[in-house]
Amino acid sequence: MKRAKILGAAAAIAYLTALGASLGGCGGSASSICDATCDCTGCSDSQYDECIDTYEDFERESDARDCLPEFDEYVDCIDDEIECRDGRVDADGCDTPLSRWLRCMS
């Protein structure tokens, strides 16, 4: 069940980066990444709020599981890599930090 929840979290992150969101650690912030993705894809106020809420949920859960460094690494990567390509958000190059974070969370 925990594995399914983590995989759901990964899917949610993919959703966030595709829809208009993501995360933000020391280098990035929820608002800066959500702003960038919503500027790219367009999103409603409720989708933007959901982006921020999801980030905060992932941050809290990562902290509770002692995975905050891995979470921050992944968020920093997304903040560095996020680009808008033809109305779609892309964060190439973050597979390794994502894998580290998911491994820690499982």
N, C-alpha and C. Protein backbone atom coordinates (compact mmCIF):
# COMPACT_ATOMS: atom_id res chain seq x y z
N MET A 1 0.82 -1.19 0.00
CA MET A 1 0.00 0.00 0.00
C MET A 1 0.87 1.26 0.00
N LYS A 2 1.95 1.27 0.80
CA LYS A 2 2.84 2.44 0.83
C LYS A 2 3.47 2.65 -0.54
N ARG A 3 3.87 1.54 -1.18
CA ARG A 3 4.48 1.65 -2.50
C ARG A 3 3.50 2.28 -3.49
N ALA A 4 2.25 1.87 -3.42
CA ALA A 4 1.24 2.44 -4.30
C ALA A 4 1.08 3.94 -4.04
N LYS A 5 1.14 4.33 -2.77
CA LYS A 5 1.01 5.75 -2.43
C LYS A 5 2.19 6.54 -2.98
N ILE A 6 3.40 5.98 -2.87
CA ILE A 6 4.58 6.66 -3.40
C ILE A 6 4.52 6.74 -4.92
N LEU A 7 4.11 5.65 -5.55
CA LEU A 7 3.97 5.69 -7.00
C LEU A 7 2.91 6.70 -7.39
N GLY A 8 1.87 6.80 -6.57
CA GLY A 8 0.87 7.83 -6.80
C GLY A 8 1.47 9.21 -6.66
N ALA A 9 2.39 9.36 -5.71
CA ALA A 9 3.07 10.64 -5.54
C ALA A 9 3.90 10.96 -6.77
N ALA A 10 4.58 9.96 -7.30
CA ALA A 10 5.38 10.17 -8.51
C ALA A 10 4.48 10.59 -9.67
N ALA A 11 3.34 9.93 -9.78
CA ALA A 11 2.38 10.30 -10.82
C ALA A 11 1.87 11.71 -10.60
N ALA A 12 1.65 12.07 -9.34
CA ALA A 12 1.18 13.41 -9.03
C ALA A 12 2.24 14.45 -9.39
N ILE A 13 3.50 14.12 -9.15
CA ILE A 13 4.57 15.04 -9.52
C ILE A 13 4.62 15.19 -11.03
N ALA A 14 4.50 14.07 -11.72
CA ALA A 14 4.47 14.14 -13.19
C ALA A 14 3.29 15.00 -13.64
N TYR A 15 2.15 14.81 -12.96
CA TYR A 15 0.97 15.62 -13.25
C TYR A 15 1.27 17.10 -13.00
N LEU A 16 1.92 17.37 -11.90
CA LEU A 16 2.22 18.75 -11.56
C LEU A 16 3.13 19.39 -12.58
N THR A 17 4.19 18.67 -12.97
CA THR A 17 5.10 19.26 -13.94
C THR A 17 4.44 19.38 -15.30
N ALA A 18 3.56 18.45 -15.64
CA ALA A 18 2.88 18.52 -16.92
C ALA A 18 1.77 19.55 -16.93
N LEU A 19 1.12 19.72 -15.80
CA LEU A 19 -0.05 20.60 -15.73
C LEU A 19 0.32 22.02 -15.36
N GLY A 20 1.29 22.19 -14.52
CA GLY A 20 1.59 23.54 -14.12
C GLY A 20 2.05 23.60 -12.71
N ALA A 21 2.92 22.73 -12.32
CA ALA A 21 3.35 22.77 -10.96
C ALA A 21 4.65 22.06 -10.80
N SER A 22 4.97 21.86 -9.57
CA SER A 22 6.03 21.00 -9.14
C SER A 22 6.31 21.33 -7.73
N LEU A 23 7.57 21.41 -7.43
CA LEU A 23 7.97 21.48 -6.06
C LEU A 23 9.01 22.57 -5.89
N GLY A 24 9.49 22.75 -4.69
CA GLY A 24 10.51 23.74 -4.50
C GLY A 24 11.22 23.56 -3.20
N GLY A 25 12.50 23.31 -3.29
CA GLY A 25 13.31 23.18 -2.09
C GLY A 25 14.07 24.46 -1.88
N CYS A 26 15.31 24.35 -1.47
CA CYS A 26 16.10 25.55 -1.18
C CYS A 26 16.25 26.41 -2.42
N GLY A 27 16.49 25.79 -3.58
CA GLY A 27 16.72 26.55 -4.80
C GLY A 27 15.45 27.05 -5.44
N GLY A 28 14.37 26.34 -5.26
CA GLY A 28 13.12 26.72 -5.89
C GLY A 28 12.04 26.84 -4.84
N SER A 29 10.91 27.31 -5.29
CA SER A 29 9.79 27.38 -4.37
C SER A 29 8.56 26.86 -5.08
N ALA A 30 7.58 26.45 -4.31
CA ALA A 30 6.33 25.97 -4.90
C ALA A 30 5.75 27.04 -5.80
N SER A 31 5.73 28.27 -5.31
CA SER A 31 5.11 29.33 -6.11
C SER A 31 5.87 29.61 -7.40
N SER A 32 7.20 29.60 -7.37
CA SER A 32 7.95 29.89 -8.59
C SER A 32 7.76 28.79 -9.63
N ILE A 33 7.73 27.54 -9.19
CA ILE A 33 7.57 26.45 -10.14
C ILE A 33 6.12 26.38 -10.61
N CYS A 34 5.17 26.55 -9.70
CA CYS A 34 3.76 26.56 -10.10
C CYS A 34 3.48 27.73 -11.04
N ASP A 35 4.09 28.87 -10.77
CA ASP A 35 3.93 30.02 -11.67
C ASP A 35 4.45 29.69 -13.06
N ALA A 36 5.64 29.11 -13.13
CA ALA A 36 6.25 28.80 -14.43
C ALA A 36 5.39 27.81 -15.21
N THR A 37 4.89 26.79 -14.54
CA THR A 37 4.12 25.80 -15.26
C THR A 37 2.74 26.34 -15.65
N CYS A 38 2.13 27.12 -14.79
CA CYS A 38 0.83 27.70 -15.13
C CYS A 38 0.97 28.74 -16.24
N ASP A 39 2.07 29.46 -16.26
CA ASP A 39 2.32 30.40 -17.36
C ASP A 39 2.44 29.64 -18.67
N CYS A 40 3.02 28.46 -18.61
CA CYS A 40 3.23 27.65 -19.81
C CYS A 40 1.94 27.00 -20.28
N THR A 41 1.23 26.35 -19.37
CA THR A 41 0.09 25.51 -19.75
C THR A 41 -1.25 26.19 -19.54
N GLY A 42 -1.25 27.20 -18.72
CA GLY A 42 -2.52 27.80 -18.34
C GLY A 42 -3.20 26.90 -17.32
N CYS A 43 -3.66 27.46 -16.25
CA CYS A 43 -4.37 26.66 -15.26
C CYS A 43 -5.29 27.57 -14.47
N SER A 44 -6.29 26.97 -13.92
CA SER A 44 -7.26 27.73 -13.13
C SER A 44 -6.68 28.05 -11.76
N ASP A 45 -7.35 28.91 -11.04
CA ASP A 45 -6.92 29.23 -9.68
C ASP A 45 -6.94 27.98 -8.81
N SER A 46 -7.93 27.13 -9.00
CA SER A 46 -8.00 25.91 -8.18
C SER A 46 -6.87 24.94 -8.54
N GLN A 47 -6.49 24.86 -9.81
CA GLN A 47 -5.35 24.02 -10.19
C GLN A 47 -4.05 24.56 -9.61
N TYR A 48 -3.92 25.88 -9.62
CA TYR A 48 -2.73 26.49 -9.03
C TYR A 48 -2.67 26.18 -7.53
N ASP A 49 -3.79 26.36 -6.85
CA ASP A 49 -3.85 26.05 -5.42
C ASP A 49 -3.54 24.58 -5.15
N GLU A 50 -4.03 23.70 -6.01
CA GLU A 50 -3.76 22.27 -5.87
C GLU A 50 -2.26 21.99 -6.04
N CYS A 51 -1.64 22.70 -6.95
CA CYS A 51 -0.19 22.57 -7.16
C CYS A 51 0.55 22.92 -5.88
N ILE A 52 0.22 24.05 -5.28
CA ILE A 52 0.87 24.49 -4.05
C ILE A 52 0.60 23.50 -2.92
N ASP A 53 -0.64 23.07 -2.79
CA ASP A 53 -1.00 22.12 -1.73
C ASP A 53 -0.26 20.79 -1.89
N THR A 54 -0.15 20.31 -3.12
CA THR A 54 0.53 19.03 -3.36
C THR A 54 2.00 19.14 -3.00
N TYR A 55 2.62 20.24 -3.41
CA TYR A 55 4.01 20.48 -3.03
C TYR A 55 4.18 20.42 -1.51
N GLU A 56 3.32 21.15 -0.81
CA GLU A 56 3.44 21.20 0.65
C GLU A 56 3.21 19.83 1.28
N ASP A 57 2.28 19.06 0.72
CA ASP A 57 2.05 17.69 1.21
C ASP A 57 3.29 16.82 1.01
N PHE A 58 3.89 16.90 -0.18
CA PHE A 58 5.10 16.11 -0.45
C PHE A 58 6.26 16.53 0.45
N GLU A 59 6.37 17.82 0.68
CA GLU A 59 7.43 18.32 1.54
C GLU A 59 7.26 17.81 2.97
N ARG A 60 6.04 17.88 3.49
CA ARG A 60 5.78 17.38 4.84
C ARG A 60 6.04 15.88 4.95
N GLU A 61 5.56 15.12 3.98
CA GLU A 61 5.75 13.67 3.99
C GLU A 61 7.23 13.32 3.87
N SER A 62 7.95 14.05 3.05
CA SER A 62 9.39 13.82 2.91
C SER A 62 10.11 14.10 4.21
N ASP A 63 9.74 15.17 4.87
CA ASP A 63 10.34 15.51 6.15
C ASP A 63 10.04 14.43 7.19
N ALA A 64 8.81 13.97 7.23
CA ALA A 64 8.41 12.94 8.20
C ALA A 64 9.17 11.63 7.98
N ARG A 65 9.58 11.37 6.76
CA ARG A 65 10.29 10.12 6.45
C ARG A 65 11.81 10.32 6.36
N ASP A 66 12.29 11.47 6.79
CA ASP A 66 13.72 11.80 6.72
C ASP A 66 14.25 11.76 5.28
N CYS A 67 13.44 12.21 4.36
CA CYS A 67 13.80 12.23 2.94
C CYS A 67 13.83 13.64 2.38
N LEU A 68 13.90 14.63 3.25
CA LEU A 68 13.88 16.01 2.79
C LEU A 68 15.08 16.36 1.90
N PRO A 69 16.29 15.87 2.19
CA PRO A 69 17.40 16.18 1.28
C PRO A 69 17.16 15.65 -0.14
N GLU A 70 16.59 14.46 -0.24
CA GLU A 70 16.31 13.89 -1.56
C GLU A 70 15.19 14.67 -2.26
N PHE A 71 14.19 15.06 -1.49
CA PHE A 71 13.11 15.88 -2.03
C PHE A 71 13.66 17.20 -2.55
N ASP A 72 14.48 17.86 -1.73
CA ASP A 72 15.06 19.15 -2.13
C ASP A 72 15.92 19.01 -3.38
N GLU A 73 16.68 17.92 -3.48
CA GLU A 73 17.51 17.69 -4.67
C GLU A 73 16.63 17.59 -5.91
N TYR A 74 15.54 16.84 -5.79
CA TYR A 74 14.63 16.69 -6.93
C TYR A 74 13.97 18.03 -7.29
N VAL A 75 13.52 18.76 -6.29
CA VAL A 75 12.88 20.05 -6.54
C VAL A 75 13.87 21.03 -7.17
N ASP A 76 15.09 21.06 -6.66
CA ASP A 76 16.10 21.96 -7.23
C ASP A 76 16.35 21.61 -8.70
N CYS A 77 16.36 20.32 -9.01
CA CYS A 77 16.55 19.89 -10.39
C CYS A 77 15.41 20.40 -11.26
N ILE A 78 14.18 20.21 -10.79
CA ILE A 78 13.04 20.68 -11.57
C ILE A 78 13.11 22.19 -11.77
N ASP A 79 13.46 22.90 -10.71
CA ASP A 79 13.57 24.36 -10.81
C ASP A 79 14.61 24.76 -11.86
N ASP A 80 15.71 24.02 -11.92
CA ASP A 80 16.76 24.31 -12.91
C ASP A 80 16.36 23.90 -14.33
N GLU A 81 15.65 22.80 -14.46
CA GLU A 81 15.39 22.20 -15.76
C GLU A 81 14.07 22.59 -16.40
N ILE A 82 13.17 23.18 -15.66
CA ILE A 82 11.81 23.41 -16.16
C ILE A 82 11.82 24.34 -17.37
N GLU A 83 11.14 23.89 -18.42
CA GLU A 83 11.04 24.66 -19.65
C GLU A 83 9.64 24.49 -20.21
N CYS A 84 9.20 25.47 -20.95
CA CYS A 84 7.93 25.39 -21.66
C CYS A 84 8.24 25.07 -23.11
N ARG A 85 7.71 23.96 -23.59
CA ARG A 85 7.93 23.54 -24.98
C ARG A 85 6.58 23.29 -25.63
N ASP A 86 6.21 24.16 -26.52
CA ASP A 86 4.94 24.02 -27.24
C ASP A 86 3.76 23.84 -26.29
N GLY A 87 3.72 24.64 -25.24
CA GLY A 87 2.62 24.60 -24.30
C GLY A 87 2.65 23.44 -23.33
N ARG A 88 3.78 22.74 -23.26
CA ARG A 88 3.94 21.62 -22.33
C ARG A 88 5.17 21.87 -21.47
N VAL A 89 5.05 21.52 -20.21
CA VAL A 89 6.15 21.70 -19.27
C VAL A 89 7.07 20.49 -19.36
N ASP A 90 8.36 20.77 -19.40
CA ASP A 90 9.36 19.71 -19.47
C ASP A 90 10.44 19.98 -18.44
N ALA A 91 10.88 18.93 -17.76
CA ALA A 91 11.98 19.04 -16.80
C ALA A 91 12.93 17.88 -17.04
N ASP A 92 13.51 17.84 -18.23
CA ASP A 92 14.46 16.77 -18.58
C ASP A 92 15.63 16.76 -17.62
N GLY A 93 16.17 15.61 -17.41
CA GLY A 93 17.38 15.49 -16.62
C GLY A 93 17.17 15.28 -15.14
N CYS A 94 15.95 15.03 -14.70
CA CYS A 94 15.68 14.89 -13.27
C CYS A 94 15.33 13.45 -12.86
N ASP A 95 15.58 12.49 -13.74
CA ASP A 95 15.25 11.10 -13.42
C ASP A 95 16.04 10.57 -12.23
N THR A 96 17.32 10.89 -12.16
CA THR A 96 18.15 10.38 -11.06
C THR A 96 17.71 10.95 -9.71
N PRO A 97 17.53 12.27 -9.59
CA PRO A 97 17.04 12.78 -8.30
C PRO A 97 15.65 12.24 -7.95
N LEU A 98 14.79 12.07 -8.95
CA LEU A 98 13.47 11.50 -8.69
C LEU A 98 13.60 10.09 -8.15
N SER A 99 14.46 9.30 -8.76
CA SER A 99 14.66 7.91 -8.30
C SER A 99 15.18 7.87 -6.87
N ARG A 100 16.10 8.76 -6.54
CA ARG A 100 16.63 8.81 -5.17
C ARG A 100 15.53 9.14 -4.17
N TRP A 101 14.71 10.12 -4.51
CA TRP A 101 13.63 10.53 -3.62
C TRP A 101 12.62 9.40 -3.44
N LEU A 102 12.21 8.79 -4.55
CA LEU A 102 11.23 7.69 -4.46
C LEU A 102 11.78 6.50 -3.70
N ARG A 103 13.05 6.20 -3.88
CA ARG A 103 13.68 5.10 -3.15
C ARG A 103 13.65 5.39 -1.64
N CYS A 104 13.94 6.62 -1.28
CA CYS A 104 13.92 7.01 0.13
C CYS A 104 12.51 6.92 0.70
N MET A 105 11.54 7.32 -0.09
CA MET A 105 10.15 7.37 0.38
C MET A 105 9.51 5.99 0.49
N SER A 106 10.07 5.00 -0.19
CA SER A 106 9.42 3.68 -0.19
C SER A 106 9.83 2.83 1.01
